Amino acid sequence: MDQPCTRADLRTCLRDLAWVNRKLFGYRPVLTWLQSLNLGQFPHIIRILDVGCGYGDTLRRIGLWAENRGIAVQLTGLDLNPDTTAIASETSVAGSRIHWITGDVFAYAPPQPPHLILSSLFTHHLADDQIVRFLQWMENTAVTGWFINDLSRNIVPYRLFSLFSRVMRLHPFVQHDGPVSIARAFVPADWERYCAAAGLPTGKAVIQGFTPGRLCVSRRKRK
């Protein structure tokens, strides 16, 4: 999926990945983190930016979560691929207030800094130096904190996803890219190294695993 493909193929791949996220609790890590922030106590609208927003399913899920709790949020999805942001927009319900932007995160200068920056299944697509740069960018840009929701590099989820994707007849791209992504993913020592290279304060980034097969990194700065 990192290679050029038709919008129709991309739409099907992103739809299948969103289905996998629902079935395998892929939204749970970020929703758990958001819950821990007690956002209902904030006296202002919470600006949330999702980098590498893909299908937009994470932001739509966050929007529903916030609505159910009476939390005012301003949601923005950023993705490098214009086909991806077009698909995210057309897949959202009529009247959706999520703002979709096409652009390079390192060139993106929001008119107001987001309170929270999120990414899901994004960082394993980056080279090591880009991951360090991304951590620095989030640290310098987010007012309140940031959260990375990505994969754990482990042979068990690698084999299980290979079988699961074939049995469920997911798009061939997903069947191929899922195991590749897990193989390119992370162990805690990787994130410890990246955070140190990014100059983050020692012990301020939290590295936490979630079942099944997620390894997440978060940082809470301040309200």
C-alpha atoms as a PDB file:
ATOM      1  CA  MET A   1       0.000   0.000   0.000  1.00  0.00           C
ATOM      2  CA  ASP A   2       3.002   2.299   0.147  1.00  0.00           C
ATOM      3  CA  GLN A   3       3.212   1.897  -3.639  1.00  0.00           C
ATOM      4  CA  PRO A   4       0.952   3.623  -6.210  1.00  0.00           C
ATOM      5  CA  CYS A   5      -2.439   1.974  -6.707  1.00  0.00           C
ATOM      6  CA  THR A   6      -5.875   2.907  -7.954  1.00  0.00           C
ATOM      7  CA  ARG A   7      -8.241   4.826  -5.698  1.00  0.00           C
ATOM      8  CA  ALA A   8     -10.651   1.886  -5.858  1.00  0.00           C
ATOM      9  CA  ASP A   9      -7.984  -0.528  -4.574  1.00  0.00           C
ATOM     10  CA  LEU A  10      -6.926   1.947  -1.909  1.00  0.00           C
ATOM     11  CA  ARG A  11     -10.526   2.410  -0.771  1.00  0.00           C
ATOM     12  CA  THR A  12     -11.006  -1.334  -0.397  1.00  0.00           C
ATOM     13  CA  CYS A  13      -7.722  -1.730   1.492  1.00  0.00           C
ATOM     14  CA  LEU A  14      -8.514   1.093   3.886  1.00  0.00           C
ATOM     15  CA  ARG A  15     -12.024  -0.252   4.439  1.00  0.00           C
ATOM     16  CA  ASP A  16     -10.616  -3.700   5.247  1.00  0.00           C
ATOM     17  CA  LEU A  17      -8.065  -2.224   7.647  1.00  0.00           C
ATOM     18  CA  ALA A  18     -10.827  -0.280   9.410  1.00  0.00           C
ATOM     19  CA  TRP A  19     -12.779  -3.525   9.760  1.00  0.00           C
ATOM     20  CA  VAL A  20      -9.694  -5.207  11.268  1.00  0.00           C
ATOM     21  CA  ASN A  21      -9.320  -2.278  13.685  1.00  0.00           C
ATOM     22  CA  ARG A  22     -12.887  -2.759  14.880  1.00  0.00           C
ATOM     23  CA  LYS A  23     -12.581  -6.517  15.257  1.00  0.00           C
ATOM     24  CA  LEU A  24      -9.149  -6.472  16.936  1.00  0.00           C
ATOM     25  CA  PHE A  25      -9.748  -3.534  19.318  1.00  0.00           C
ATOM     26  CA  GLY A  26      -7.442  -1.201  17.415  1.00  0.00           C
ATOM     27  CA  TYR A  27      -9.124   1.934  18.799  1.00  0.00           C
ATOM     28  CA  ARG A  28      -8.856   0.855  22.425  1.00  0.00           C
ATOM     29  CA  PRO A  29      -5.325   2.201  23.070  1.00  0.00           C
ATOM     30  CA  VAL A  30      -6.053   5.771  21.988  1.00  0.00           C
ATOM     31  CA  LEU A  31      -9.501   5.841  23.630  1.00  0.00           C
ATOM     32  CA  THR A  32      -7.987   4.550  26.864  1.00  0.00           C
ATOM     33  CA  TRP A  33      -5.394   7.326  26.747  1.00  0.00           C
ATOM     34  CA  LEU A  34      -7.979  10.000  25.977  1.00  0.00           C
ATOM     35  CA  GLN A  35     -10.063   8.790  28.893  1.00  0.00           C
ATOM     36  CA  SER A  36      -7.053   9.130  31.198  1.00  0.00           C
ATOM     37  CA  LEU A  37      -6.696  12.826  30.324  1.00  0.00           C
ATOM     38  CA  ASN A  38     -10.050  13.829  31.856  1.00  0.00           C
ATOM     39  CA  LEU A  39     -10.792  16.034  28.866  1.00  0.00           C
ATOM     40  CA  GLY A  40     -14.227  16.911  30.210  1.00  0.00           C
ATOM     41  CA  GLN A  41     -12.496  19.161  32.762  1.00  0.00           C
ATOM     42  CA  PHE A  42     -10.855  21.290  30.072  1.00  0.00           C
ATOM     43  CA  PRO A  43     -12.556  24.714  29.691  1.00  0.00           C
ATOM     44  CA  HIS A  44     -11.994  24.895  25.921  1.00  0.00           C
ATOM     45  CA  ILE A  45     -12.537  22.964  22.700  1.00  0.00           C
ATOM     46  CA  ILE A  46      -9.897  20.236  22.393  1.00  0.00           C
ATOM     47  CA  ARG A  47      -8.068  20.405  19.067  1.00  0.00           C
ATOM     48  CA  ILE A  48      -7.019  16.887  17.994  1.00  0.00           C
ATOM     49  CA  LEU A  49      -4.802  16.154  14.986  1.00  0.00           C
ATOM     50  CA  ASP A  50      -4.493  12.644  13.530  1.00  0.00           C
ATOM     51  CA  VAL A  51      -1.321  12.286  11.442  1.00  0.00           C
ATOM     52  CA  GLY A  52      -1.488   9.656   8.703  1.00  0.00           C
ATOM     53  CA  CYS A  53      -5.251   9.579   9.175  1.00  0.00           C
ATOM     54  CA  GLY A  54      -5.894   6.989   6.452  1.00  0.00           C
ATOM     55  CA  TYR A  55      -9.558   5.978   6.212  1.00  0.00           C
ATOM     56  CA  GLY A  56     -10.425   8.435   8.979  1.00  0.00           C
ATOM     57  CA  ASP A  57     -11.955   5.716  11.128  1.00  0.00           C
ATOM     58  CA  THR A  58      -9.924   6.624  14.210  1.00  0.00           C
ATOM     59  CA  LEU A  59     -11.114  10.244  14.127  1.00  0.00           C
ATOM     60  CA  ARG A  60     -14.705   9.196  13.513  1.00  0.00           C
ATOM     61  CA  ARG A  61     -14.483   6.854  16.497  1.00  0.00           C
ATOM     62  CA  ILE A  62     -13.000   9.633  18.636  1.00  0.00           C
ATOM     63  CA  GLY A  63     -15.778  11.970  17.513  1.00  0.00           C
ATOM     64  CA  LEU A  64     -18.408   9.479  18.679  1.00  0.00           C
ATOM     65  CA  TRP A  65     -16.549   8.911  21.953  1.00  0.00           C
ATOM     66  CA  ALA A  66     -16.371  12.659  22.630  1.00  0.00           C
ATOM     67  CA  GLU A  67     -20.012  13.249  21.681  1.00  0.00           C
ATOM     68  CA  ASN A  68     -21.184  10.557  24.083  1.00  0.00           C
ATOM     69  CA  ARG A  69     -19.307  12.322  26.896  1.00  0.00           C
ATOM     70  CA  GLY A  70     -20.219  15.893  26.049  1.00  0.00           C
ATOM     71  CA  ILE A  71     -16.604  16.781  25.239  1.00  0.00           C
ATOM     72  CA  ALA A  72     -16.146  19.522  22.628  1.00  0.00           C
ATOM     73  CA  VAL A  73     -13.500  18.559  20.086  1.00  0.00           C
ATOM     74  CA  GLN A  74     -12.155  19.945  16.836  1.00  0.00           C
ATOM     75  CA  LEU A  75     -10.892  17.044  14.723  1.00  0.00           C
ATOM     76  CA  THR A  76      -8.363  17.264  11.880  1.00  0.00           C
ATOM     77  CA  GLY A  77      -6.991  14.429   9.763  1.00  0.00           C
ATOM     78  CA  LEU A  78      -3.709  14.887   7.901  1.00  0.00           C
ATOM     79  CA  ASP A  79      -2.414  12.511   5.234  1.00  0.00           C
ATOM     80  CA  LEU A  80       0.203  12.754   2.505  1.00  0.00           C
ATOM     81  CA  ASN A  81      -1.923  10.958  -0.099  1.00  0.00           C
ATOM     82  CA  PRO A  82      -4.708  13.053  -1.681  1.00  0.00           C
ATOM     83  CA  ASP A  83      -6.658   9.901  -2.562  1.00  0.00           C
ATOM     84  CA  THR A  84      -6.625   8.917   1.091  1.00  0.00           C
ATOM     85  CA  THR A  85      -8.041  12.204   2.353  1.00  0.00           C
ATOM     86  CA  ALA A  86     -10.661  12.143  -0.421  1.00  0.00           C
ATOM     87  CA  ILE A  87     -11.723   8.647   0.661  1.00  0.00           C
ATOM     88  CA  ALA A  88     -11.786   9.679   4.342  1.00  0.00           C
ATOM     89  CA  SER A  89     -14.013  12.628   3.467  1.00  0.00           C
ATOM     90  CA  GLU A  90     -16.441  10.695   1.270  1.00  0.00           C
ATOM     91  CA  THR A  91     -16.700   7.908   3.867  1.00  0.00           C
ATOM     92  CA  SER A  92     -17.672  10.303   6.647  1.00  0.00           C
ATOM     93  CA  VAL A  93     -21.343  10.978   7.288  1.00  0.00           C
ATOM     94  CA  ALA A  94     -23.018  13.982   5.730  1.00  0.00           C
ATOM     95  CA  GLY A  95     -22.432  17.044   7.847  1.00  0.00           C
ATOM     96  CA  SER A  96     -19.290  15.681   9.444  1.00  0.00           C
ATOM     97  CA  ARG A  97     -17.188  18.480  10.922  1.00  0.00           C
ATOM     98  CA  ILE A  98     -13.890  16.617  10.650  1.00  0.00           C
ATOM     99  CA  HIS A  99     -11.392  18.639   8.632  1.00  0.00           C
ATOM    100  CA  TRP A 100      -9.296  16.610   6.163  1.00  0.00           C
ATOM    101  CA  ILE A 101      -5.954  18.009   4.982  1.00  0.00           C
ATOM    102  CA  THR A 102      -3.535  16.648   2.389  1.00  0.00           C
ATOM    103  CA  GLY A 103       0.088  17.407   3.179  1.00  0.00           C
ATOM    104  CA  ASP A 104       3.470  16.449   4.590  1.00  0.00           C
ATOM    105  CA  VAL A 105       3.449  16.481   8.374  1.00  0.00           C
ATOM    106  CA  PHE A 106       6.895  18.083   8.502  1.00  0.00           C
ATOM    107  CA  ALA A 107       5.700  20.974   6.366  1.00  0.00           C
ATOM    108  CA  TYR A 108       2.365  21.330   8.140  1.00  0.00           C
ATOM    109  CA  ALA A 109       1.931  24.469  10.218  1.00  0.00           C
ATOM    110  CA  PRO A 110      -1.566  24.491  11.757  1.00  0.00           C
ATOM    111  CA  PRO A 111      -3.137  27.922  12.302  1.00  0.00           C
ATOM    112  CA  GLN A 112      -3.561  26.981  15.964  1.00  0.00           C
ATOM    113  CA  PRO A 113      -1.407  24.331  17.630  1.00  0.00           C
ATOM    114  CA  PRO A 114      -3.321  21.125  18.360  1.00  0.00           C
ATOM    115  CA  HIS A 115      -3.778  20.211  21.975  1.00  0.00           C
ATOM    116  CA  LEU A 116      -3.347  16.524  21.137  1.00  0.00           C
ATOM    117  CA  ILE A 117      -1.534  14.810  18.264  1.00  0.00           C
ATOM    118  CA  LEU A 118      -2.276  11.181  17.427  1.00  0.00           C
ATOM    119  CA  SER A 119      -1.050   8.666  14.898  1.00  0.00           C
ATOM    120  CA  SER A 120      -2.229   5.113  14.259  1.00  0.00           C
ATOM    121  CA  LEU A 121      -0.243   2.560  12.254  1.00  0.00           C
ATOM    122  CA  PHE A 122       1.839   5.390  10.816  1.00  0.00           C
ATOM    123  CA  THR A 123       5.314   5.286  12.315  1.00  0.00           C
ATOM    124  CA  HIS A 124       6.246   1.825  11.033  1.00  0.00           C
ATOM    125  CA  HIS A 125       6.167   3.358   7.540  1.00  0.00           C
ATOM    126  CA  LEU A 126       8.980   5.775   8.510  1.00  0.00           C
ATOM    127  CA  ALA A 127      12.753   5.392   8.539  1.00  0.00           C
ATOM    128  CA  ASP A 128      14.513   5.670  11.906  1.00  0.00           C
ATOM    129  CA  ASP A 129      15.590   9.277  11.378  1.00  0.00           C
ATOM    130  CA  GLN A 130      12.051  10.220  10.351  1.00  0.00           C
ATOM    131  CA  ILE A 131      10.638   8.645  13.512  1.00  0.00           C
ATOM    132  CA  VAL A 132      12.998  10.725  15.634  1.00  0.00           C
ATOM    133  CA  ARG A 133      12.042  13.831  13.664  1.00  0.00           C
ATOM    134  CA  PHE A 134       8.355  13.005  14.080  1.00  0.00           C
ATOM    135  CA  LEU A 135       8.752  12.673  17.845  1.00  0.00           C
ATOM    136  CA  GLN A 136      10.476  16.054  17.952  1.00  0.00           C
ATOM    137  CA  TRP A 137       7.768  17.602  15.784  1.00  0.00           C
ATOM    138  CA  MET A 138       4.995  16.309  18.030  1.00  0.00           C
ATOM    139  CA  GLU A 139       6.817  17.405  21.157  1.00  0.00           C
ATOM    140  CA  ASN A 140       7.269  20.912  19.747  1.00  0.00           C
ATOM    141  CA  THR A 141       3.767  21.197  18.279  1.00  0.00           C
ATOM    142  CA  ALA A 142       1.327  19.555  20.706  1.00  0.00           C
ATOM    143  CA  VAL A 143       0.112  21.709  23.582  1.00  0.00           C
ATOM    144  CA  THR A 144      -1.137  18.949  25.881  1.00  0.00           C
ATOM    145  CA  GLY A 145       0.323  15.679  24.647  1.00  0.00           C
ATOM    146  CA  TRP A 146       0.686  13.091  21.921  1.00  0.00           C
ATOM    147  CA  PHE A 147      -0.005   9.412  21.357  1.00  0.00           C
ATOM    148  CA  ILE A 148       1.450   6.869  18.916  1.00  0.00           C
ATOM    149  CA  ASN A 149      -0.648   3.748  18.331  1.00  0.00           C
ATOM    150  CA  ASP A 150       1.397   1.214  16.392  1.00  0.00           C
ATOM    151  CA  LEU A 151       2.263  -2.451  16.125  1.00  0.00           C
ATOM    152  CA  SER A 152       4.376  -4.752  18.263  1.00  0.00           C
ATOM    153  CA  ARG A 153       7.060  -6.735  16.445  1.00  0.00           C
ATOM    154  CA  ASN A 154       6.287 -10.285  17.501  1.00  0.00           C
ATOM    155  CA  ILE A 155       6.156 -13.624  15.756  1.00  0.00           C
ATOM    156  CA  VAL A 156       2.760 -14.572  17.266  1.00  0.00           C
ATOM    157  CA  PRO A 157       0.702 -11.678  15.799  1.00  0.00           C
ATOM    158  CA  TYR A 158       2.724 -12.027  12.574  1.00  0.00           C
ATOM    159  CA  ARG A 159       1.566 -15.608  12.085  1.00  0.00           C
ATOM    160  CA  LEU A 160      -1.947 -15.031  13.388  1.00  0.00           C
ATOM    161  CA  PHE A 161      -2.576 -12.064  11.109  1.00  0.00           C
ATOM    162  CA  SER A 162      -1.248 -13.974   8.114  1.00  0.00           C
ATOM    163  CA  LEU A 163      -3.801 -16.703   8.793  1.00  0.00           C
ATOM    164  CA  PHE A 164      -6.607 -14.325   9.796  1.00  0.00           C
ATOM    165  CA  SER A 165      -6.293 -12.161   6.680  1.00  0.00           C
ATOM    166  CA  ARG A 166      -6.445 -15.182   4.386  1.00  0.00           C
ATOM    167  CA  VAL A 167      -9.377 -16.797   6.163  1.00  0.00           C
ATOM    168  CA  MET A 168     -11.339 -13.515   6.129  1.00  0.00           C
ATOM    169  CA  ARG A 169     -10.413 -12.933   2.473  1.00  0.00           C
ATOM    170  CA  LEU A 170      -9.136  -9.426   3.020  1.00  0.00           C
ATOM    171  CA  HIS A 171      -7.827  -7.484   0.057  1.00  0.00           C
ATOM    172  CA  PRO A 172      -4.588  -9.066  -1.301  1.00  0.00           C
ATOM    173  CA  PHE A 173      -2.685  -5.871  -0.486  1.00  0.00           C
ATOM    174  CA  VAL A 174      -3.756  -6.175   3.153  1.00  0.00           C
ATOM    175  CA  GLN A 175      -2.859  -9.864   3.241  1.00  0.00           C
ATOM    176  CA  HIS A 176       0.624  -8.936   2.054  1.00  0.00           C
ATOM    177  CA  ASP A 177       1.176  -5.664   3.901  1.00  0.00           C
ATOM    178  CA  GLY A 178      -0.160  -6.737   7.299  1.00  0.00           C
ATOM    179  CA  PRO A 179       2.618  -9.233   8.070  1.00  0.00           C
ATOM    180  CA  VAL A 180       5.179  -6.894   6.470  1.00  0.00           C
ATOM    181  CA  SER A 181       4.045  -4.089   8.784  1.00  0.00           C
ATOM    182  CA  ILE A 182       4.323  -6.331  11.850  1.00  0.00           C
ATOM    183  CA  ALA A 183       7.834  -7.330  10.773  1.00  0.00           C
ATOM    184  CA  ARG A 184       8.729  -3.627  10.444  1.00  0.00           C
ATOM    185  CA  ALA A 185       7.165  -2.734  13.796  1.00  0.00           C
ATOM    186  CA  PHE A 186       8.691  -2.174  17.212  1.00  0.00           C
ATOM    187  CA  VAL A 187       9.797  -3.558  20.548  1.00  0.00           C
ATOM    188  CA  PRO A 188      10.058  -1.326  23.664  1.00  0.00           C
ATOM    189  CA  ALA A 189      13.824  -0.900  23.289  1.00  0.00           C
ATOM    190  CA  ASP A 190      13.269   0.675  19.875  1.00  0.00           C
ATOM    191  CA  TRP A 191      11.055   3.373  21.329  1.00  0.00           C
ATOM    192  CA  GLU A 192      13.428   3.965  24.220  1.00  0.00           C
ATOM    193  CA  ARG A 193      16.169   4.601  21.670  1.00  0.00           C
ATOM    194  CA  TYR A 194      14.025   6.865  19.492  1.00  0.00           C
ATOM    195  CA  CYS A 195      12.818   8.939  22.449  1.00  0.00           C
ATOM    196  CA  ALA A 196      16.384   9.406  23.692  1.00  0.00           C
ATOM    197  CA  ALA A 197      17.556  10.425  20.211  1.00  0.00           C
ATOM    198  CA  ALA A 198      14.690  12.921  20.011  1.00  0.00           C
ATOM    199  CA  GLY A 199      15.858  14.537  23.255  1.00  0.00           C
ATOM    200  CA  LEU A 200      12.644  13.850  25.150  1.00  0.00           C
ATOM    201  CA  PRO A 201      12.809  14.270  28.919  1.00  0.00           C
ATOM    202  CA  THR A 202      13.899  11.021  30.547  1.00  0.00           C
ATOM    203  CA  GLY A 203      10.975   8.962  31.762  1.00  0.00           C
ATOM    204  CA  LYS A 204       8.326  11.323  30.386  1.00  0.00           C
ATOM    205  CA  ALA A 205       7.286   9.148  27.439  1.00  0.00           C
ATOM    206  CA  VAL A 206       5.213   6.119  28.410  1.00  0.00           C
ATOM    207  CA  ILE A 207       5.698   2.919  26.396  1.00  0.00           C
ATOM    208  CA  GLN A 208       2.798   0.497  26.813  1.00  0.00           C
ATOM    209  CA  GLY A 209       1.632  -2.685  25.105  1.00  0.00           C
ATOM    210  CA  PHE A 210      -2.003  -3.477  24.346  1.00  0.00           C
ATOM    211  CA  THR A 211      -3.413  -6.875  23.414  1.00  0.00           C
ATOM    212  CA  PRO A 212      -3.584  -7.896  20.655  1.00  0.00           C
ATOM    213  CA  GLY A 213      -0.330  -6.832  19.067  1.00  0.00           C
ATOM    214  CA  ARG A 214      -0.125  -3.103  19.765  1.00  0.00           C
ATOM    215  CA  LEU A 215       2.796  -1.134  21.206  1.00  0.00           C
ATOM    216  CA  CYS A 216       2.050   2.496  22.000  1.00  0.00           C
ATOM    217  CA  VAL A 217       4.023   5.536  23.095  1.00  0.00           C
ATOM    218  CA  SER A 218       2.485   8.559  24.774  1.00  0.00           C
ATOM    219  CA  ARG A 219       3.460  11.816  26.370  1.00  0.00           C
ATOM    220  CA  ARG A 220       1.342  14.050  28.531  1.00  0.00           C
ATOM    221  CA  LYS A 221       2.791  17.535  28.754  1.00  0.00           C
ATOM    222  CA  ARG A 222       0.233  19.687  30.516  1.00  0.00           C
ATOM    223  CA  LYS A 223      -3.402  20.782  30.457  1.00  0.00           C
END
